[in-house]
Amino acid sequence: MACTSEQSESTEQQSSTGSETELGEAPDFEVTTIAGETVSLQQSLAENKPLVVYFTASWCPICAKNWPVLSVVYPDYKDKLNFVAIGIDPTDDEQVMRELSEEKGFTFPITRGYPDVMVDFGVESQATTVGVNREGDIVFQKNKTALSEEEYRALFDELVN
C-alpha cells in the first residue's frame, strides 16, 4: 500500500476501463464525515445522484497533489453529485483528518480511516478515485494517480451527464 511519487508516474495513464480491476457494482457502504454527515451508496441512489469516492491517507504524497485540485473542482459539482474522501489508514482518526482538512483548506467531505470500505471496493491503494453512476455501477477507477483539474472535470462530467 506504499505511495511514492515514482509510482504516480507509472499509473497516471491507466484507462478507466479497469485494466487492473474488474469494474462492477459498487459495494454498499456508509461512512460519517468529520463534519458528522452520513454518506452512503444507498443515499446517492435514493437522491438519484452519481457518487465519487476518493481513497486517501494523510501521509500520501500523491494524495497531497490531488487535494488542492479536488478543493477547486468539487464546489462546482457539489449539487450534481455526491463526493466523499475516505481515509484508508486506521491511524488517520477523526482528529488527524480534521487537522489535515483545516490545514489544507479542503472544500470536500472527508472521513477518518475506514480501511474496510477500501477493501470492499477492491481498491489496493490510496490516491484512487472511483466513480459510481446513478444505477450504482462503478464506471471508472483511477488507481494511485494524481489527476489534473481538467481530468477531474472530465470524469465528473462523465458521471453527471
C-alpha atoms as a PDB file:
ATOM      1  CA  MET A   1       0.000   0.000   0.000  1.00  0.00           C
ATOM      2  CA  ALA A   2       3.018   2.281  -0.169  1.00  0.00           C
ATOM      3  CA  CYS A   3       2.516   5.510  -2.003  1.00  0.00           C
ATOM      4  CA  THR A   4       5.528   7.069  -3.654  1.00  0.00           C
ATOM      5  CA  SER A   5       5.964   9.759  -6.236  1.00  0.00           C
ATOM      6  CA  GLU A   6       7.692   7.289  -8.560  1.00  0.00           C
ATOM      7  CA  GLN A   7       4.579   5.131  -8.631  1.00  0.00           C
ATOM      8  CA  SER A   8       2.387   8.061  -9.664  1.00  0.00           C
ATOM      9  CA  GLU A   9       4.173   8.330 -12.997  1.00  0.00           C
ATOM     10  CA  SER A  10       3.676   4.688 -13.921  1.00  0.00           C
ATOM     11  CA  THR A  11      -0.067   4.535 -13.237  1.00  0.00           C
ATOM     12  CA  GLU A  12      -1.123   8.008 -14.313  1.00  0.00           C
ATOM     13  CA  GLN A  13      -2.280   6.849 -17.727  1.00  0.00           C
ATOM     14  CA  GLN A  14      -4.329   3.878 -16.535  1.00  0.00           C
ATOM     15  CA  SER A  15      -7.515   3.626 -18.523  1.00  0.00           C
ATOM     16  CA  SER A  16     -10.931   3.969 -16.970  1.00  0.00           C
ATOM     17  CA  THR A  17     -11.884   0.562 -18.340  1.00  0.00           C
ATOM     18  CA  GLY A  18     -10.459  -1.143 -15.291  1.00  0.00           C
ATOM     19  CA  SER A  19      -7.495  -2.909 -16.832  1.00  0.00           C
ATOM     20  CA  GLU A  20      -6.267  -3.627 -13.310  1.00  0.00           C
ATOM     21  CA  THR A  21      -9.565  -4.164 -11.507  1.00  0.00           C
ATOM     22  CA  GLU A  22     -12.870  -5.603 -12.674  1.00  0.00           C
ATOM     23  CA  LEU A  23     -15.453  -2.830 -12.580  1.00  0.00           C
ATOM     24  CA  GLY A  24     -18.920  -3.815 -11.475  1.00  0.00           C
ATOM     25  CA  GLU A  25     -21.496  -2.895  -8.907  1.00  0.00           C
ATOM     26  CA  ALA A  26     -20.331  -0.597  -6.125  1.00  0.00           C
ATOM     27  CA  PRO A  27     -20.449  -2.172  -2.672  1.00  0.00           C
ATOM     28  CA  ASP A  28     -22.964  -0.865  -0.199  1.00  0.00           C
ATOM     29  CA  PHE A  29     -21.241   1.315   2.400  1.00  0.00           C
ATOM     30  CA  GLU A  30     -21.956   4.039   4.916  1.00  0.00           C
ATOM     31  CA  VAL A  31     -19.419   6.427   6.437  1.00  0.00           C
ATOM     32  CA  THR A  32     -19.558   9.507   8.630  1.00  0.00           C
ATOM     33  CA  THR A  33     -17.575  12.570   7.618  1.00  0.00           C
ATOM     34  CA  ILE A  34     -15.552  14.648  10.083  1.00  0.00           C
ATOM     35  CA  ALA A  35     -18.428  17.166   9.860  1.00  0.00           C
ATOM     36  CA  GLY A  36     -20.829  14.499  11.150  1.00  0.00           C
ATOM     37  CA  GLU A  37     -22.638  13.932   7.841  1.00  0.00           C
ATOM     38  CA  THR A  38     -23.503  10.436   6.661  1.00  0.00           C
ATOM     39  CA  VAL A  39     -22.539   9.424   3.134  1.00  0.00           C
ATOM     40  CA  SER A  40     -23.665   6.110   1.671  1.00  0.00           C
ATOM     41  CA  LEU A  41     -24.266   4.356  -1.610  1.00  0.00           C
ATOM     42  CA  GLN A  42     -27.950   3.995  -0.715  1.00  0.00           C
ATOM     43  CA  GLN A  43     -28.215   7.752  -0.082  1.00  0.00           C
ATOM     44  CA  SER A  44     -26.751   8.537  -3.521  1.00  0.00           C
ATOM     45  CA  LEU A  45     -29.086   6.067  -5.210  1.00  0.00           C
ATOM     46  CA  ALA A  46     -32.093   7.496  -3.348  1.00  0.00           C
ATOM     47  CA  GLU A  47     -31.092  11.032  -4.393  1.00  0.00           C
ATOM     48  CA  ASN A  48     -30.505   9.820  -7.985  1.00  0.00           C
ATOM     49  CA  LYS A  49     -27.003  11.306  -7.874  1.00  0.00           C
ATOM     50  CA  PRO A  50     -23.743   9.801  -9.049  1.00  0.00           C
ATOM     51  CA  LEU A  51     -21.062   9.316  -6.416  1.00  0.00           C
ATOM     52  CA  VAL A  52     -17.312   9.847  -6.391  1.00  0.00           C
ATOM     53  CA  VAL A  53     -15.256   8.120  -3.718  1.00  0.00           C
ATOM     54  CA  TYR A  54     -11.652   9.225  -3.269  1.00  0.00           C
ATOM     55  CA  PHE A  55      -9.471   6.943  -1.149  1.00  0.00           C
ATOM     56  CA  THR A  56      -6.836   8.967   0.694  1.00  0.00           C
ATOM     57  CA  ALA A  57      -4.299   8.952   3.507  1.00  0.00           C
ATOM     58  CA  SER A  58      -2.826  11.821   5.493  1.00  0.00           C
ATOM     59  CA  TRP A  59       0.734  10.768   4.660  1.00  0.00           C
ATOM     60  CA  CYS A  60       0.318  10.107   0.912  1.00  0.00           C
ATOM     61  CA  PRO A  61       2.329  12.392  -1.421  1.00  0.00           C
ATOM     62  CA  ILE A  62       0.136  11.620  -4.453  1.00  0.00           C
ATOM     63  CA  CYS A  63      -2.978  12.438  -2.415  1.00  0.00           C
ATOM     64  CA  ALA A  64      -1.364  15.744  -1.447  1.00  0.00           C
ATOM     65  CA  LYS A  65      -1.275  16.619  -5.161  1.00  0.00           C
ATOM     66  CA  ASN A  66      -4.982  15.776  -5.573  1.00  0.00           C
ATOM     67  CA  TRP A  67      -6.339  17.618  -2.520  1.00  0.00           C
ATOM     68  CA  PRO A  68      -5.950  21.167  -3.891  1.00  0.00           C
ATOM     69  CA  VAL A  69      -7.352  20.084  -7.268  1.00  0.00           C
ATOM     70  CA  LEU A  70     -10.372  18.446  -5.626  1.00  0.00           C
ATOM     71  CA  SER A  71     -10.871  21.558  -3.481  1.00  0.00           C
ATOM     72  CA  VAL A  72     -11.148  23.626  -6.679  1.00  0.00           C
ATOM     73  CA  VAL A  73     -13.305  21.187  -8.676  1.00  0.00           C
ATOM     74  CA  TYR A  74     -15.713  19.816  -6.040  1.00  0.00           C
ATOM     75  CA  PRO A  75     -17.624  23.055  -5.303  1.00  0.00           C
ATOM     76  CA  ASP A  76     -18.685  23.255  -8.972  1.00  0.00           C
ATOM     77  CA  TYR A  77     -20.224  19.773  -8.775  1.00  0.00           C
ATOM     78  CA  LYS A  78     -21.482  19.507  -5.186  1.00  0.00           C
ATOM     79  CA  ASP A  79     -25.125  19.958  -6.228  1.00  0.00           C
ATOM     80  CA  LYS A  80     -24.830  17.456  -9.102  1.00  0.00           C
ATOM     81  CA  LEU A  81     -23.026  14.535  -7.460  1.00  0.00           C
ATOM     82  CA  ASN A  82     -22.121  13.187  -4.052  1.00  0.00           C
ATOM     83  CA  PHE A  83     -18.449  13.061  -3.119  1.00  0.00           C
ATOM     84  CA  VAL A  84     -16.519  11.703  -0.172  1.00  0.00           C
ATOM     85  CA  ALA A  85     -12.821  11.300   0.521  1.00  0.00           C
ATOM     86  CA  ILE A  86     -12.455   8.180   2.642  1.00  0.00           C
ATOM     87  CA  GLY A  87      -9.358   7.657   4.746  1.00  0.00           C
ATOM     88  CA  ILE A  88      -7.795   4.228   4.291  1.00  0.00           C
ATOM     89  CA  ASP A  89      -5.437   4.206   7.261  1.00  0.00           C
ATOM     90  CA  PRO A  90      -6.940   3.338  10.663  1.00  0.00           C
ATOM     91  CA  THR A  91      -4.404   5.672  12.326  1.00  0.00           C
ATOM     92  CA  ASP A  92      -5.973   8.571  10.371  1.00  0.00           C
ATOM     93  CA  ASP A  93      -8.548   9.169  13.075  1.00  0.00           C
ATOM     94  CA  GLU A  94     -11.066  11.999  13.130  1.00  0.00           C
ATOM     95  CA  GLN A  95      -8.660  14.443  14.796  1.00  0.00           C
ATOM     96  CA  VAL A  96      -5.860  13.769  12.283  1.00  0.00           C
ATOM     97  CA  MET A  97      -8.211  14.215   9.338  1.00  0.00           C
ATOM     98  CA  ARG A  98      -9.876  17.315  10.823  1.00  0.00           C
ATOM     99  CA  GLU A  99      -6.469  18.972  11.328  1.00  0.00           C
ATOM    100  CA  LEU A 100      -5.402  17.988   7.817  1.00  0.00           C
ATOM    101  CA  SER A 101      -8.634  19.336   6.336  1.00  0.00           C
ATOM    102  CA  GLU A 102      -8.270  22.643   8.181  1.00  0.00           C
ATOM    103  CA  GLU A 103      -4.569  22.988   7.362  1.00  0.00           C
ATOM    104  CA  LYS A 104      -5.075  22.266   3.646  1.00  0.00           C
ATOM    105  CA  GLY A 105      -8.419  24.070   3.302  1.00  0.00           C
ATOM    106  CA  PHE A 106     -10.430  21.125   1.972  1.00  0.00           C
ATOM    107  CA  THR A 107     -13.771  22.087   0.420  1.00  0.00           C
ATOM    108  CA  PHE A 108     -14.899  18.450   0.161  1.00  0.00           C
ATOM    109  CA  PRO A 109     -16.221  15.950   2.726  1.00  0.00           C
ATOM    110  CA  ILE A 110     -13.597  13.671   4.275  1.00  0.00           C
ATOM    111  CA  THR A 111     -13.696  10.818   6.774  1.00  0.00           C
ATOM    112  CA  ARG A 112     -11.419   9.163   9.268  1.00  0.00           C
ATOM    113  CA  GLY A 113      -9.764   5.899   8.228  1.00  0.00           C
ATOM    114  CA  TYR A 114     -12.228   3.229   7.080  1.00  0.00           C
ATOM    115  CA  PRO A 115      -9.911   0.566   5.584  1.00  0.00           C
ATOM    116  CA  ASP A 116     -12.794  -1.906   5.287  1.00  0.00           C
ATOM    117  CA  VAL A 117     -14.518   0.324   2.705  1.00  0.00           C
ATOM    118  CA  MET A 118     -11.381   0.311   0.555  1.00  0.00           C
ATOM    119  CA  VAL A 119     -11.276  -3.486   0.754  1.00  0.00           C
ATOM    120  CA  ASP A 120     -14.994  -3.741  -0.108  1.00  0.00           C
ATOM    121  CA  PHE A 121     -14.372  -1.629  -3.237  1.00  0.00           C
ATOM    122  CA  GLY A 122     -11.441  -3.862  -4.211  1.00  0.00           C
ATOM    123  CA  VAL A 123      -9.112  -0.863  -4.127  1.00  0.00           C
ATOM    124  CA  GLU A 124      -5.494  -1.664  -3.351  1.00  0.00           C
ATOM    125  CA  SER A 125      -4.043   1.790  -2.767  1.00  0.00           C
ATOM    126  CA  GLN A 126      -4.702   5.305  -1.605  1.00  0.00           C
ATOM    127  CA  ALA A 127      -4.916   8.113  -4.198  1.00  0.00           C
ATOM    128  CA  THR A 128      -7.598   6.129  -6.012  1.00  0.00           C
ATOM    129  CA  THR A 129     -10.683   7.847  -7.444  1.00  0.00           C
ATOM    130  CA  VAL A 130     -13.795   5.746  -8.074  1.00  0.00           C
ATOM    131  CA  GLY A 131     -16.885   6.949  -9.954  1.00  0.00           C
ATOM    132  CA  VAL A 132     -20.284   5.341  -9.388  1.00  0.00           C
ATOM    133  CA  ASN A 133     -23.215   6.130 -11.693  1.00  0.00           C
ATOM    134  CA  ARG A 134     -26.865   6.673 -10.712  1.00  0.00           C
ATOM    135  CA  GLU A 135     -27.515   2.929 -11.030  1.00  0.00           C
ATOM    136  CA  GLY A 136     -24.783   2.014  -8.535  1.00  0.00           C
ATOM    137  CA  ASP A 137     -22.285   0.735 -11.102  1.00  0.00           C
ATOM    138  CA  ILE A 138     -18.597   1.658 -10.975  1.00  0.00           C
ATOM    139  CA  VAL A 139     -17.849   3.445 -14.249  1.00  0.00           C
ATOM    140  CA  PHE A 140     -14.249   4.440 -13.601  1.00  0.00           C
ATOM    141  CA  GLN A 141     -11.442   3.702 -11.196  1.00  0.00           C
ATOM    142  CA  LYS A 142      -8.229   5.722 -11.380  1.00  0.00           C
ATOM    143  CA  ASN A 143      -5.683   3.869  -9.268  1.00  0.00           C
ATOM    144  CA  LYS A 144      -2.873   5.541  -7.358  1.00  0.00           C
ATOM    145  CA  THR A 145      -2.626   8.612  -9.556  1.00  0.00           C
ATOM    146  CA  ALA A 146      -2.556  12.389  -9.439  1.00  0.00           C
ATOM    147  CA  LEU A 147      -5.145  13.933 -11.736  1.00  0.00           C
ATOM    148  CA  SER A 148      -5.296  17.455 -13.137  1.00  0.00           C
ATOM    149  CA  GLU A 149      -8.243  19.801 -12.759  1.00  0.00           C
ATOM    150  CA  GLU A 150      -9.183  19.085 -16.390  1.00  0.00           C
ATOM    151  CA  GLU A 151      -9.040  15.306 -15.815  1.00  0.00           C
ATOM    152  CA  TYR A 152     -11.254  15.522 -12.715  1.00  0.00           C
ATOM    153  CA  ARG A 153     -13.723  17.776 -14.538  1.00  0.00           C
ATOM    154  CA  ALA A 154     -13.914  15.318 -17.458  1.00  0.00           C
ATOM    155  CA  LEU A 155     -14.544  12.402 -15.058  1.00  0.00           C
ATOM    156  CA  PHE A 156     -17.163  14.326 -13.059  1.00  0.00           C
ATOM    157  CA  ASP A 157     -18.847  15.491 -16.292  1.00  0.00           C
ATOM    158  CA  GLU A 158     -18.973  11.868 -17.475  1.00  0.00           C
ATOM    159  CA  LEU A 159     -20.908  10.997 -14.303  1.00  0.00           C
ATOM    160  CA  VAL A 160     -23.377  13.893 -14.232  1.00  0.00           C
ATOM    161  CA  ASN A 161     -24.235  13.967 -17.958  1.00  0.00           C
END
